[in-house]
Amino acid sequence: MSEQKKYDTLKCDKPAFAGAGDYLVPTIELQPIEVKRLGEYGRIRRAFLQEYNPMLFNDLGADGAVVSASV
């Protein structure tokens, strides 16, 4: 009976995997990304990185760490 309880908690409404040919691919839903505006010091840091360390600025921009927010 305890085994049945354990399996009841693992049930979900949506299938966890979708078939793609001979493979099972997990169905993953991502949460929407919340866009935040940069504050005063964030804008100052962004301007500093653009001017004095453009390689780091590009790296952070590729990761999405530096958000380009218009003032």
Protein backbone atom coordinates (compact mmCIF):
# COMPACT_ATOMS: atom_id res chain seq x y z
CA MET A 1 0.00 0.00 0.00
CA SER A 2 2.88 2.39 0.70
CA GLU A 3 4.23 1.65 -2.79
CA GLN A 4 0.91 2.74 -4.30
CA LYS A 5 1.04 6.03 -2.35
CA LYS A 6 4.55 6.75 -3.59
CA TYR A 7 3.50 6.32 -7.21
CA ASP A 8 0.39 8.47 -6.76
CA THR A 9 2.54 11.50 -5.91
CA LEU A 10 4.56 11.07 -9.13
CA LYS A 11 1.52 11.36 -11.42
CA CYS A 12 1.17 14.49 -13.51
CA ASP A 13 -1.32 15.70 -16.10
CA LYS A 14 1.19 16.27 -18.88
CA PRO A 15 3.49 13.61 -20.28
CA ALA A 16 7.08 14.07 -19.17
CA PHE A 17 8.54 12.87 -22.48
CA ALA A 18 7.60 13.18 -26.13
CA GLY A 19 8.58 10.67 -28.76
CA ALA A 20 10.87 11.88 -31.54
CA GLY A 21 11.66 8.93 -33.78
CA ASP A 22 13.44 6.32 -31.68
CA TYR A 23 14.23 8.81 -28.90
CA LEU A 24 12.30 10.18 -25.95
CA VAL A 25 12.78 13.93 -25.55
CA PRO A 26 11.80 15.60 -22.26
CA THR A 27 9.07 18.19 -22.57
CA ILE A 28 10.40 21.22 -20.72
CA GLU A 29 8.52 24.48 -20.34
CA LEU A 30 10.60 27.53 -19.46
CA GLN A 31 9.31 30.32 -17.27
CA PRO A 32 9.00 33.70 -19.00
CA ILE A 33 11.93 36.03 -18.33
CA GLU A 34 11.02 39.17 -16.48
CA VAL A 35 12.56 42.29 -18.02
CA LYS A 36 13.99 44.62 -15.39
CA ARG A 37 15.05 48.18 -16.00
CA LEU A 38 18.55 49.19 -14.99
CA GLY A 39 18.87 51.57 -12.07
CA GLU A 40 21.27 54.49 -11.88
CA TYR A 41 24.30 52.43 -10.85
CA GLY A 42 23.50 49.72 -13.38
CA ARG A 43 23.56 52.31 -16.17
CA ILE A 44 26.85 53.72 -14.84
CA ARG A 45 28.39 50.23 -14.77
CA ARG A 46 27.13 49.48 -18.28
CA ALA A 47 28.68 52.71 -19.63
CA PHE A 48 31.96 51.94 -17.83
CA LEU A 49 32.13 48.42 -19.24
CA GLN A 50 31.32 49.62 -22.75
CA GLU A 51 34.17 52.11 -22.65
CA TYR A 52 36.90 50.44 -20.58
CA ASN A 53 36.22 46.70 -20.81
CA PRO A 54 34.28 45.93 -24.00
CA MET A 55 35.21 42.22 -23.96
CA LEU A 56 33.56 41.71 -20.56
CA PHE A 57 30.59 43.82 -21.67
CA ASN A 58 30.12 41.58 -24.72
CA ASP A 59 30.43 38.43 -22.59
CA LEU A 60 27.84 39.69 -20.10
CA GLY A 61 25.58 40.81 -22.93
CA ALA A 62 25.69 37.36 -24.50
CA ASP A 63 24.69 35.79 -21.18
CA GLY A 64 21.88 38.28 -20.68
CA ALA A 65 23.43 39.66 -17.49
CA VAL A 66 23.58 43.21 -18.85
CA VAL A 67 20.15 44.29 -20.00
CA SER A 68 20.03 47.05 -22.54
CA ALA A 69 17.43 49.40 -21.11
CA SER A 70 16.80 52.75 -22.65
CA VAL A 71 16.72 55.77 -20.37
